[in-house]
Amino acid sequence: MSKRMYVIFTLVINGILPWVIYVVLSDYMSSILALSIATLIPLVDNVVHLWKHKRLDAFGGLMLFSLILTLLLVFLGGSEKILLVRESLITASVGIIFLVSLLFKRPIMFYLGMRFIQNNRFAENWNIKYFRFVMRLMTFVWGIMLLSEAVVRVIMVYDLSTERYLLFSNYVLYGFIGAAILWTVIYRRKSAKKLQEIKLQLTK
């Protein structure tokens, strides 16, 4: 399987397919049961990855964390406003994980790169100071973007009616995530070029 197909497959299994299953099943059963069934799909993918590689990688761990947190928040229930805030709590929690990982030897973006960039020499780049800076900067930016998105949507929950919130909230979500992805693509191209130049200098 090519790198592009692998990334698409992973995103479909862990993101799109569970959402589709939840939307379809929620018309025929309670939201809790529908969500529980939907979480089995990425769970199976992570179990297969764990069996194959004898470890759970950062991406799989993030997906499991998000799904478990979602289930816990669903079971807690609450008012209509609380139900709307729960989505942002998940985004904020993931953003905090990104920022906290900066305190460890290797930030979470490095491990995500290990999952999606199928290059056996990717890990070797950690020995280069500039590469370490890039991984930490990307982790920091994604952490801040996720937290900012969560804060904006929580403010919207209490400032807007439910109808207006549902109308605009996804635009906020896609706006922040889209901006983070766009920045990542541009910065990755720029940093990859500079990293290659540094490697050439080291080989001389």
N, C-alpha and C. Protein backbone atom coordinates (compact mmCIF):
# COMPACT_ATOMS: atom_id res chain seq x y z
N MET A 1 0.84 -1.20 0.00
CA MET A 1 0.00 0.00 0.00
C MET A 1 0.88 1.25 0.00
N SER A 2 0.58 2.19 -0.92
CA SER A 2 1.37 3.41 -1.01
C SER A 2 1.15 4.27 0.22
N LYS A 3 2.07 5.25 0.43
CA LYS A 3 1.98 6.13 1.60
C LYS A 3 0.67 6.92 1.57
N ARG A 4 0.29 7.44 0.39
CA ARG A 4 -0.93 8.23 0.29
C ARG A 4 -2.16 7.38 0.60
N MET A 5 -2.21 6.18 0.03
CA MET A 5 -3.35 5.29 0.27
C MET A 5 -3.42 4.89 1.74
N TYR A 6 -2.27 4.70 2.37
CA TYR A 6 -2.24 4.31 3.78
C TYR A 6 -2.79 5.43 4.66
N VAL A 7 -2.42 6.69 4.35
CA VAL A 7 -2.92 7.83 5.11
C VAL A 7 -4.44 7.94 4.94
N ILE A 8 -4.91 7.80 3.69
CA ILE A 8 -6.35 7.89 3.42
C ILE A 8 -7.10 6.78 4.15
N PHE A 9 -6.55 5.56 4.08
CA PHE A 9 -7.18 4.41 4.75
C PHE A 9 -7.27 4.64 6.25
N THR A 10 -6.20 5.14 6.86
CA THR A 10 -6.18 5.39 8.30
C THR A 10 -7.20 6.44 8.70
N LEU A 11 -7.30 7.53 7.93
CA LEU A 11 -8.26 8.59 8.24
C LEU A 11 -9.69 8.12 8.08
N VAL A 12 -9.94 7.29 7.06
CA VAL A 12 -11.29 6.77 6.84
C VAL A 12 -11.70 5.85 7.99
N ILE A 13 -10.81 4.93 8.37
CA ILE A 13 -11.12 3.96 9.42
C ILE A 13 -11.30 4.64 10.77
N ASN A 14 -10.46 5.61 11.07
CA ASN A 14 -10.46 6.23 12.39
C ASN A 14 -11.33 7.47 12.50
N GLY A 15 -11.73 8.04 11.38
CA GLY A 15 -12.51 9.27 11.45
C GLY A 15 -13.83 9.24 10.71
N ILE A 16 -13.77 9.05 9.40
CA ILE A 16 -14.97 9.17 8.57
C ILE A 16 -15.95 8.02 8.80
N LEU A 17 -15.46 6.79 8.78
CA LEU A 17 -16.35 5.63 8.91
C LEU A 17 -17.09 5.60 10.25
N PRO A 18 -16.41 5.85 11.39
CA PRO A 18 -17.16 5.89 12.66
C PRO A 18 -18.26 6.96 12.66
N TRP A 19 -17.96 8.12 12.06
CA TRP A 19 -18.95 9.19 12.00
C TRP A 19 -20.16 8.77 11.16
N VAL A 20 -19.92 8.15 10.00
CA VAL A 20 -21.01 7.69 9.14
C VAL A 20 -21.86 6.65 9.86
N ILE A 21 -21.21 5.70 10.51
CA ILE A 21 -21.93 4.66 11.24
C ILE A 21 -22.78 5.27 12.35
N TYR A 22 -22.22 6.23 13.07
CA TYR A 22 -22.96 6.88 14.16
C TYR A 22 -24.18 7.62 13.62
N VAL A 23 -24.02 8.37 12.54
CA VAL A 23 -25.13 9.14 11.97
C VAL A 23 -26.24 8.20 11.52
N VAL A 24 -25.89 7.09 10.87
CA VAL A 24 -26.89 6.14 10.37
C VAL A 24 -27.60 5.44 11.52
N LEU A 25 -26.84 4.94 12.48
CA LEU A 25 -27.43 4.16 13.57
C LEU A 25 -28.22 5.01 14.56
N SER A 26 -27.86 6.30 14.70
CA SER A 26 -28.54 7.16 15.67
C SER A 26 -30.01 7.37 15.33
N ASP A 27 -30.41 7.07 14.09
CA ASP A 27 -31.82 7.18 13.72
C ASP A 27 -32.62 5.97 14.18
N TYR A 28 -31.93 4.90 14.56
CA TYR A 28 -32.61 3.66 14.91
C TYR A 28 -32.39 3.23 16.36
N MET A 29 -31.50 3.91 17.07
CA MET A 29 -31.22 3.53 18.46
C MET A 29 -30.75 4.74 19.23
N SER A 30 -30.48 4.58 20.51
CA SER A 30 -30.03 5.70 21.33
C SER A 30 -28.65 6.15 20.87
N SER A 31 -28.34 7.42 21.14
CA SER A 31 -27.05 7.97 20.72
C SER A 31 -25.89 7.27 21.41
N ILE A 32 -26.09 6.83 22.65
CA ILE A 32 -25.03 6.15 23.40
C ILE A 32 -24.69 4.83 22.75
N LEU A 33 -25.73 4.04 22.39
CA LEU A 33 -25.50 2.74 21.76
C LEU A 33 -24.88 2.91 20.37
N ALA A 34 -25.38 3.90 19.62
CA ALA A 34 -24.83 4.15 18.28
C ALA A 34 -23.37 4.54 18.35
N LEU A 35 -23.03 5.40 19.32
CA LEU A 35 -21.65 5.83 19.48
C LEU A 35 -20.76 4.68 19.92
N SER A 36 -21.29 3.82 20.79
CA SER A 36 -20.52 2.67 21.26
C SER A 36 -20.17 1.75 20.12
N ILE A 37 -21.12 1.52 19.23
CA ILE A 37 -20.87 0.65 18.06
C ILE A 37 -19.87 1.31 17.12
N ALA A 38 -20.02 2.62 16.92
CA ALA A 38 -19.13 3.34 16.01
C ALA A 38 -17.68 3.29 16.47
N THR A 39 -17.47 3.27 17.78
CA THR A 39 -16.10 3.26 18.31
C THR A 39 -15.40 1.92 18.09
N LEU A 40 -16.15 0.88 17.75
CA LEU A 40 -15.55 -0.43 17.54
C LEU A 40 -14.67 -0.45 16.30
N ILE A 41 -14.99 0.39 15.30
CA ILE A 41 -14.24 0.39 14.04
C ILE A 41 -12.78 0.82 14.25
N PRO A 42 -12.53 2.03 14.80
CA PRO A 42 -11.12 2.40 15.06
C PRO A 42 -10.48 1.52 16.11
N LEU A 43 -11.29 0.97 17.02
CA LEU A 43 -10.74 0.07 18.03
C LEU A 43 -10.15 -1.17 17.38
N VAL A 44 -10.86 -1.72 16.40
CA VAL A 44 -10.37 -2.90 15.68
C VAL A 44 -9.08 -2.56 14.94
N ASP A 45 -9.06 -1.37 14.30
CA ASP A 45 -7.86 -0.95 13.57
C ASP A 45 -6.66 -0.84 14.50
N ASN A 46 -6.88 -0.28 15.69
CA ASN A 46 -5.79 -0.13 16.65
C ASN A 46 -5.35 -1.46 17.23
N VAL A 47 -6.30 -2.38 17.42
CA VAL A 47 -5.95 -3.71 17.91
C VAL A 47 -5.10 -4.45 16.89
N VAL A 48 -5.47 -4.32 15.61
CA VAL A 48 -4.69 -4.96 14.54
C VAL A 48 -3.28 -4.37 14.48
N HIS A 49 -3.19 -3.03 14.59
CA HIS A 49 -1.88 -2.37 14.58
C HIS A 49 -1.06 -2.80 15.78
N LEU A 50 -1.72 -2.93 16.94
CA LEU A 50 -1.02 -3.36 18.16
C LEU A 50 -0.50 -4.79 18.02
N TRP A 51 -1.32 -5.66 17.44
CA TRP A 51 -0.92 -7.05 17.23
C TRP A 51 0.23 -7.17 16.24
N LYS A 52 0.18 -6.33 15.20
CA LYS A 52 1.20 -6.39 14.14
C LYS A 52 2.53 -5.81 14.58
N HIS A 53 2.49 -4.68 15.29
CA HIS A 53 3.72 -3.98 15.66
C HIS A 53 4.08 -4.13 17.13
N LYS A 54 3.24 -4.84 17.89
CA LYS A 54 3.49 -5.09 19.33
C LYS A 54 3.50 -3.80 20.15
N ARG A 55 2.91 -2.73 19.63
CA ARG A 55 2.84 -1.48 20.38
C ARG A 55 1.75 -0.60 19.78
N LEU A 56 1.23 0.31 20.59
CA LEU A 56 0.21 1.26 20.14
C LEU A 56 0.89 2.59 19.88
N ASP A 57 0.78 3.08 18.64
CA ASP A 57 1.49 4.31 18.31
C ASP A 57 0.71 5.54 18.77
N ALA A 58 1.29 6.71 18.54
CA ALA A 58 0.71 7.96 19.04
C ALA A 58 -0.65 8.23 18.42
N PHE A 59 -0.79 7.99 17.12
CA PHE A 59 -2.05 8.27 16.45
C PHE A 59 -3.16 7.38 17.00
N GLY A 60 -2.86 6.09 17.12
CA GLY A 60 -3.84 5.16 17.67
C GLY A 60 -4.22 5.53 19.09
N GLY A 61 -3.23 5.93 19.87
CA GLY A 61 -3.49 6.34 21.25
C GLY A 61 -4.39 7.56 21.31
N LEU A 62 -4.14 8.53 20.42
CA LEU A 62 -4.98 9.73 20.37
C LEU A 62 -6.42 9.39 20.01
N MET A 63 -6.59 8.50 19.01
CA MET A 63 -7.92 8.10 18.59
C MET A 63 -8.67 7.41 19.73
N LEU A 64 -7.99 6.50 20.40
CA LEU A 64 -8.62 5.79 21.52
C LEU A 64 -8.98 6.75 22.64
N PHE A 65 -8.07 7.67 22.94
CA PHE A 65 -8.32 8.67 23.99
C PHE A 65 -9.55 9.50 23.66
N SER A 66 -9.64 9.97 22.42
CA SER A 66 -10.77 10.79 22.00
C SER A 66 -12.08 10.03 22.09
N LEU A 67 -12.05 8.77 21.65
CA LEU A 67 -13.27 7.96 21.65
C LEU A 67 -13.72 7.65 23.07
N ILE A 68 -12.78 7.30 23.94
CA ILE A 68 -13.12 7.00 25.33
C ILE A 68 -13.66 8.24 26.03
N LEU A 69 -13.02 9.40 25.78
CA LEU A 69 -13.48 10.65 26.38
C LEU A 69 -14.87 10.99 25.88
N THR A 70 -15.12 10.76 24.59
CA THR A 70 -16.45 11.01 24.03
C THR A 70 -17.51 10.18 24.73
N LEU A 71 -17.22 8.89 24.91
CA LEU A 71 -18.17 8.00 25.58
C LEU A 71 -18.43 8.46 27.01
N LEU A 72 -17.39 8.84 27.73
CA LEU A 72 -17.55 9.29 29.11
C LEU A 72 -18.43 10.54 29.18
N LEU A 73 -18.19 11.48 28.26
CA LEU A 73 -18.97 12.71 28.24
C LEU A 73 -20.42 12.46 27.86
N VAL A 74 -20.64 11.49 26.97
CA VAL A 74 -22.01 11.13 26.59
C VAL A 74 -22.76 10.57 27.79
N PHE A 75 -22.12 9.69 28.54
CA PHE A 75 -22.75 9.07 29.70
C PHE A 75 -23.02 10.09 30.82
N LEU A 76 -22.22 11.15 30.87
CA LEU A 76 -22.42 12.17 31.90
C LEU A 76 -23.68 12.98 31.68
N GLY A 77 -24.07 13.12 30.39
CA GLY A 77 -25.29 13.85 30.09
C GLY A 77 -25.15 15.33 30.39
N GLY A 78 -26.27 15.99 30.72
CA GLY A 78 -26.22 17.40 31.06
C GLY A 78 -27.20 18.22 30.26
N SER A 79 -27.13 19.54 30.43
CA SER A 79 -28.02 20.45 29.72
C SER A 79 -27.64 20.53 28.25
N GLU A 80 -28.48 21.26 27.50
CA GLU A 80 -28.22 21.41 26.07
C GLU A 80 -26.88 22.11 25.82
N LYS A 81 -26.58 23.13 26.62
CA LYS A 81 -25.32 23.85 26.47
C LYS A 81 -24.13 22.94 26.78
N ILE A 82 -24.27 22.14 27.81
CA ILE A 82 -23.19 21.21 28.18
C ILE A 82 -22.97 20.20 27.07
N LEU A 83 -24.05 19.73 26.45
CA LEU A 83 -23.92 18.77 25.35
C LEU A 83 -23.12 19.38 24.19
N LEU A 84 -23.34 20.68 23.94
CA LEU A 84 -22.62 21.34 22.85
C LEU A 84 -21.16 21.59 23.21
N VAL A 85 -20.90 21.87 24.49
CA VAL A 85 -19.54 22.14 24.94
C VAL A 85 -18.68 20.88 24.90
N ARG A 86 -19.30 19.71 25.04
CA ARG A 86 -18.54 18.46 25.11
C ARG A 86 -17.62 18.26 23.91
N GLU A 87 -18.09 18.65 22.71
CA GLU A 87 -17.26 18.49 21.52
C GLU A 87 -15.95 19.27 21.66
N SER A 88 -16.06 20.49 22.19
CA SER A 88 -14.88 21.32 22.35
C SER A 88 -13.94 20.79 23.42
N LEU A 89 -14.49 20.11 24.43
CA LEU A 89 -13.65 19.54 25.48
C LEU A 89 -12.72 18.48 24.91
N ILE A 90 -13.20 17.74 23.93
CA ILE A 90 -12.37 16.71 23.30
C ILE A 90 -11.23 17.37 22.53
N THR A 91 -11.56 18.40 21.74
CA THR A 91 -10.53 19.12 20.98
C THR A 91 -9.51 19.75 21.92
N ALA A 92 -10.00 20.36 23.01
CA ALA A 92 -9.10 20.99 23.98
C ALA A 92 -8.20 19.96 24.63
N SER A 93 -8.73 18.79 24.95
CA SER A 93 -7.94 17.73 25.58
C SER A 93 -6.81 17.27 24.67
N VAL A 94 -7.11 17.11 23.39
CA VAL A 94 -6.08 16.70 22.43
C VAL A 94 -5.04 17.80 22.29
N GLY A 95 -5.49 19.06 22.27
CA GLY A 95 -4.55 20.18 22.19
C GLY A 95 -3.61 20.21 23.39
N ILE A 96 -4.15 19.94 24.57
CA ILE A 96 -3.32 19.89 25.78
C ILE A 96 -2.31 18.76 25.71
N ILE A 97 -2.72 17.62 25.14
CA ILE A 97 -1.79 16.49 24.98
C ILE A 97 -0.61 16.90 24.10
N PHE A 98 -0.90 17.64 23.02
CA PHE A 98 0.17 18.13 22.14
C PHE A 98 1.15 19.01 22.92
N LEU A 99 0.62 19.95 23.68
CA LEU A 99 1.48 20.89 24.40
C LEU A 99 2.25 20.20 25.53
N VAL A 100 1.61 19.29 26.24
CA VAL A 100 2.28 18.57 27.33
C VAL A 100 3.40 17.70 26.78
N SER A 101 3.21 17.16 25.57
CA SER A 101 4.24 16.29 25.00
C SER A 101 5.55 17.04 24.76
N LEU A 102 5.49 18.38 24.73
CA LEU A 102 6.71 19.18 24.55
C LEU A 102 7.64 19.06 25.75
N LEU A 103 7.10 18.61 26.87
CA LEU A 103 7.90 18.46 28.08
C LEU A 103 8.70 17.15 28.06
N PHE A 104 8.38 16.27 27.14
CA PHE A 104 9.06 14.98 27.06
C PHE A 104 10.19 15.03 26.03
N LYS A 105 10.95 13.98 25.96
CA LYS A 105 12.12 13.94 25.09
C LYS A 105 11.73 14.16 23.63
N ARG A 106 10.66 13.52 23.20
CA ARG A 106 10.20 13.67 21.82
C ARG A 106 8.72 14.06 21.82
N PRO A 107 8.35 15.13 21.11
CA PRO A 107 6.95 15.58 21.08
C PRO A 107 6.08 14.64 20.26
N ILE A 108 4.80 14.78 20.41
CA ILE A 108 3.87 13.85 19.78
C ILE A 108 3.89 13.94 18.25
N MET A 109 4.24 15.10 17.70
CA MET A 109 4.29 15.23 16.24
C MET A 109 5.33 14.29 15.64
N PHE A 110 6.39 14.02 16.36
CA PHE A 110 7.40 13.08 15.88
C PHE A 110 6.80 11.69 15.72
N TYR A 111 6.01 11.27 16.69
CA TYR A 111 5.42 9.92 16.64
C TYR A 111 4.31 9.84 15.60
N LEU A 112 3.60 10.96 15.39
CA LEU A 112 2.61 10.98 14.31
C LEU A 112 3.30 10.88 12.96
N GLY A 113 4.46 11.53 12.85
CA GLY A 113 5.23 11.42 11.61
C GLY A 113 5.70 10.00 11.37
N MET A 114 6.06 9.32 12.44
CA MET A 114 6.48 7.92 12.32
C MET A 114 5.36 7.05 11.76
N ARG A 115 4.10 7.41 12.08
CA ARG A 115 2.96 6.64 11.63
C ARG A 115 2.65 6.91 10.16
N PHE A 116 2.67 8.19 9.77
CA PHE A 116 2.21 8.55 8.43
C PHE A 116 3.32 8.67 7.39
N ILE A 117 4.54 8.96 7.81
CA ILE A 117 5.65 9.06 6.86
C ILE A 117 6.40 7.74 6.86
N GLN A 118 6.07 6.90 5.92
CA GLN A 118 6.64 5.56 5.87
C GLN A 118 8.04 5.60 5.27
N ASN A 119 8.94 6.11 6.09
CA ASN A 119 10.33 6.23 5.68
C ASN A 119 11.19 5.67 6.82
N ASN A 120 11.93 4.62 6.52
CA ASN A 120 12.71 3.95 7.56
C ASN A 120 13.77 4.85 8.18
N ARG A 121 14.14 5.93 7.49
CA ARG A 121 15.20 6.81 7.97
C ARG A 121 14.62 8.05 8.67
N PHE A 122 13.29 8.11 8.80
CA PHE A 122 12.66 9.28 9.43
C PHE A 122 13.17 9.47 10.86
N ALA A 123 13.23 8.38 11.62
CA ALA A 123 13.65 8.46 13.02
C ALA A 123 15.09 8.94 13.16
N GLU A 124 15.92 8.66 12.15
CA GLU A 124 17.32 9.06 12.21
C GLU A 124 17.47 10.58 12.18
N ASN A 125 16.45 11.27 11.63
CA ASN A 125 16.52 12.73 11.56
C ASN A 125 16.54 13.38 12.94
N TRP A 126 16.12 12.64 13.96
CA TRP A 126 16.07 13.20 15.30
C TRP A 126 17.46 13.63 15.79
N ASN A 127 18.49 13.06 15.22
CA ASN A 127 19.85 13.41 15.60
C ASN A 127 20.25 14.80 15.12
N ILE A 128 19.43 15.38 14.24
CA ILE A 128 19.71 16.71 13.69
C ILE A 128 18.94 17.76 14.49
N LYS A 129 19.64 18.76 14.98
CA LYS A 129 19.03 19.78 15.85
C LYS A 129 17.88 20.50 15.17
N TYR A 130 18.03 20.83 13.89
CA TYR A 130 16.97 21.55 13.17
C TYR A 130 15.70 20.71 13.08
N PHE A 131 15.85 19.42 12.86
CA PHE A 131 14.70 18.53 12.79
C PHE A 131 13.95 18.51 14.11
N ARG A 132 14.68 18.48 15.21
CA ARG A 132 14.05 18.49 16.53
C ARG A 132 13.26 19.78 16.74
N PHE A 133 13.83 20.90 16.26
CA PHE A 133 13.14 22.19 16.35
C PHE A 133 11.84 22.16 15.55
N VAL A 134 11.89 21.60 14.36
CA VAL A 134 10.71 21.53 13.48
C VAL A 134 9.60 20.71 14.15
N MET A 135 9.95 19.56 14.70
CA MET A 135 8.95 18.70 15.35
C MET A 135 8.30 19.41 16.54
N ARG A 136 9.11 20.10 17.30
CA ARG A 136 8.57 20.80 18.48
C ARG A 136 7.71 21.99 18.07
N LEU A 137 8.13 22.72 17.04
CA LEU A 137 7.35 23.86 16.58
C LEU A 137 6.01 23.41 16.02
N MET A 138 6.00 22.35 15.23
CA MET A 138 4.76 21.84 14.67
C MET A 138 3.83 21.33 15.77
N THR A 139 4.38 20.69 16.77
CA THR A 139 3.58 20.22 17.90
C THR A 139 2.97 21.40 18.65
N PHE A 140 3.76 22.45 18.85
CA PHE A 140 3.29 23.64 19.56
C PHE A 140 2.16 24.32 18.78
N VAL A 141 2.35 24.50 17.48
CA VAL A 141 1.35 25.18 16.66
C VAL A 141 0.03 24.41 16.66
N TRP A 142 0.10 23.09 16.50
CA TRP A 142 -1.13 22.29 16.50
C TRP A 142 -1.80 22.33 17.86
N GLY A 143 -1.03 22.30 18.92
CA GLY A 143 -1.61 22.38 20.26
C GLY A 143 -2.35 23.68 20.47
N ILE A 144 -1.74 24.80 20.07
CA ILE A 144 -2.35 26.11 20.22
C ILE A 144 -3.60 26.24 19.35
N MET A 145 -3.54 25.74 18.12
CA MET A 145 -4.68 25.82 17.21
C MET A 145 -5.87 25.03 17.74
N LEU A 146 -5.62 23.83 18.25
CA LEU A 146 -6.70 23.01 18.79
C LEU A 146 -7.32 23.66 20.03
N LEU A 147 -6.48 24.19 20.91
CA LEU A 147 -6.99 24.87 22.10
C LEU A 147 -7.78 26.13 21.72
N SER A 148 -7.27 26.87 20.76
CA SER A 148 -7.94 28.10 20.33
C SER A 148 -9.30 27.80 19.73
N GLU A 149 -9.35 26.74 18.92
CA GLU A 149 -10.63 26.33 18.31
C GLU A 149 -11.64 25.98 19.38
N ALA A 150 -11.19 25.26 20.41
CA ALA A 150 -12.08 24.86 21.50
C ALA A 150 -12.60 26.08 22.27
N VAL A 151 -11.72 27.02 22.54
CA VAL A 151 -12.11 28.23 23.28
C VAL A 151 -13.15 29.03 22.50
N VAL A 152 -12.90 29.21 21.20
CA VAL A 152 -13.83 29.98 20.37
C VAL A 152 -15.20 29.32 20.33
N ARG A 153 -15.24 27.99 20.19
CA ARG A 153 -16.53 27.31 20.11
C ARG A 153 -17.26 27.30 21.45
N VAL A 154 -16.53 27.24 22.56
CA VAL A 154 -17.19 27.32 23.87
C VAL A 154 -17.83 28.70 24.05
N ILE A 155 -17.12 29.75 23.63
CA ILE A 155 -17.68 31.10 23.70
C ILE A 155 -18.94 31.19 22.83
N MET A 156 -18.89 30.56 21.67
CA MET A 156 -20.05 30.58 20.77
C MET A 156 -21.26 29.88 21.39
N VAL A 157 -21.00 28.81 22.13
CA VAL A 157 -22.10 28.07 22.76
C VAL A 157 -22.94 28.97 23.64
N TYR A 158 -22.29 29.84 24.40
CA TYR A 158 -22.99 30.68 25.37
C TYR A 158 -23.39 32.05 24.81
N ASP A 159 -22.85 32.41 23.64
CA ASP A 159 -23.20 33.70 23.05
C ASP A 159 -24.25 33.58 21.95
N LEU A 160 -24.40 32.38 21.38
CA LEU A 160 -25.32 32.19 20.26
C LEU A 160 -26.44 31.23 20.65
N SER A 161 -27.53 31.30 19.92
CA SER A 161 -28.59 30.32 20.10
C SER A 161 -28.10 28.97 19.59
N THR A 162 -28.76 27.90 20.00
CA THR A 162 -28.34 26.56 19.57
C THR A 162 -28.38 26.45 18.05
N GLU A 163 -29.42 27.01 17.42
CA GLU A 163 -29.54 26.92 15.97
C GLU A 163 -28.38 27.62 15.27
N ARG A 164 -28.05 28.82 15.74
CA ARG A 164 -26.95 29.57 15.12
C ARG A 164 -25.61 28.90 15.41
N TYR A 165 -25.48 28.33 16.60
CA TYR A 165 -24.23 27.63 16.92
C TYR A 165 -24.02 26.45 15.98
N LEU A 166 -25.06 25.63 15.81
CA LEU A 166 -24.95 24.47 14.93
C LEU A 166 -24.66 24.88 13.49
N LEU A 167 -25.14 26.07 13.12
CA LEU A 167 -24.92 26.56 11.76
C LEU A 167 -23.48 26.97 11.52
N PHE A 168 -22.86 27.61 12.55
CA PHE A 168 -21.53 28.19 12.35
C PHE A 168 -20.38 27.38 12.98
N SER A 169 -20.67 26.48 13.88
CA SER A 169 -19.60 25.80 14.62
C SER A 169 -18.68 24.99 13.72
N ASN A 170 -19.23 24.31 12.73
CA ASN A 170 -18.39 23.50 11.85
C ASN A 170 -17.46 24.36 11.00
N TYR A 171 -17.92 25.58 10.67
CA TYR A 171 -17.06 26.49 9.91
C TYR A 171 -15.85 26.90 10.76
N VAL A 172 -16.09 27.07 12.06
CA VAL A 172 -14.98 27.40 12.96
C VAL A 172 -14.02 26.23 13.05
N LEU A 173 -14.58 25.02 13.23
CA LEU A 173 -13.76 23.82 13.33
C LEU A 173 -12.91 23.63 12.08
N TYR A 174 -13.57 23.64 10.91
CA TYR A 174 -12.84 23.44 9.66
C TYR A 174 -11.88 24.58 9.37
N GLY A 175 -12.23 25.79 9.83
CA GLY A 175 -11.35 26.93 9.62
C GLY A 175 -10.04 26.78 10.37
N PHE A 176 -10.12 26.43 11.65
CA PHE A 176 -8.91 26.25 12.45
C PHE A 176 -8.09 25.06 11.96
N ILE A 177 -8.77 23.94 11.74
CA ILE A 177 -8.06 22.74 11.29
C ILE A 177 -7.47 22.96 9.91
N GLY A 178 -8.24 23.59 9.03
CA GLY A 178 -7.75 23.88 7.68
C GLY A 178 -6.54 24.78 7.70
N ALA A 179 -6.58 25.80 8.57
CA ALA A 179 -5.44 26.71 8.68
C ALA A 179 -4.21 25.98 9.20
N ALA A 180 -4.41 25.09 10.18
CA ALA A 180 -3.30 24.31 10.73
C ALA A 180 -2.70 23.39 9.68
N ILE A 181 -3.57 22.76 8.88
CA ILE A 181 -3.09 21.86 7.83
C ILE A 181 -2.34 22.63 6.76
N LEU A 182 -2.90 23.77 6.35
CA LEU A 182 -2.25 24.60 5.33
C LEU A 182 -0.87 25.06 5.80
N TRP A 183 -0.80 25.53 7.04
CA TRP A 183 0.49 25.96 7.59
C TRP A 183 1.46 24.79 7.63
N THR A 184 0.98 23.62 8.02
CA THR A 184 1.83 22.44 8.12
C THR A 184 2.41 22.06 6.76
N VAL A 185 1.56 22.08 5.73
CA VAL A 185 2.01 21.72 4.38
C VAL A 185 3.08 22.69 3.89
N ILE A 186 2.83 23.99 4.06
CA ILE A 186 3.79 25.01 3.60
C ILE A 186 5.08 24.93 4.40
N TYR A 187 4.95 24.83 5.72
CA TYR A 187 6.14 24.80 6.57
C TYR A 187 6.93 23.51 6.37
N ARG A 188 6.23 22.40 6.15
CA ARG A 188 6.92 21.13 5.96
C ARG A 188 7.76 21.16 4.68
N ARG A 189 7.24 21.75 3.63
CA ARG A 189 7.99 21.85 2.38
C ARG A 189 9.24 22.71 2.57
N LYS A 190 9.07 23.82 3.27
CA LYS A 190 10.19 24.72 3.51
C LYS A 190 11.24 24.06 4.41
N SER A 191 10.77 23.43 5.49
CA SER A 191 11.70 22.81 6.43
C SER A 191 12.38 21.58 5.83
N ALA A 192 11.65 20.85 4.99
CA ALA A 192 12.23 19.65 4.36
C ALA A 192 13.40 20.05 3.45
N LYS A 193 13.24 21.16 2.75
CA LYS A 193 14.30 21.64 1.87
C LYS A 193 15.52 22.03 2.68
N LYS A 194 15.30 22.76 3.78
CA LYS A 194 16.42 23.17 4.63
C LYS A 194 17.07 21.97 5.29
N LEU A 195 16.25 20.99 5.71
CA LEU A 195 16.80 19.79 6.34
C LEU A 195 17.69 19.04 5.37
N GLN A 196 17.28 18.97 4.10
CA GLN A 196 18.08 18.30 3.10
C GLN A 196 19.42 19.00 2.90
N GLU A 197 19.40 20.34 2.93
CA GLU A 197 20.64 21.10 2.79
C GLU A 197 21.58 20.83 3.96
N ILE A 198 21.01 20.72 5.16
CA ILE A 198 21.82 20.44 6.34
C ILE A 198 22.43 19.05 6.23
N LYS A 199 21.67 18.09 5.74
CA LYS A 199 22.18 16.73 5.57
C LYS A 199 23.35 16.69 4.58
N LEU A 200 23.22 17.48 3.50
CA LEU A 200 24.28 17.52 2.50
C LEU A 200 25.57 18.11 3.09
N GLN A 201 25.40 19.12 3.93
CA GLN A 201 26.57 19.73 4.58
C GLN A 201 27.25 18.76 5.53
N LEU A 202 26.43 17.94 6.20
CA LEU A 202 26.99 16.98 7.16
C LEU A 202 27.75 15.85 6.47
N THR A 203 27.39 15.56 5.24
CA THR A 203 28.05 14.47 4.52
C THR A 203 29.34 14.90 3.84
N LYS A 204 29.55 16.22 3.80
CA LYS A 204 30.79 16.71 3.17
C LYS A 204 31.99 16.54 4.07
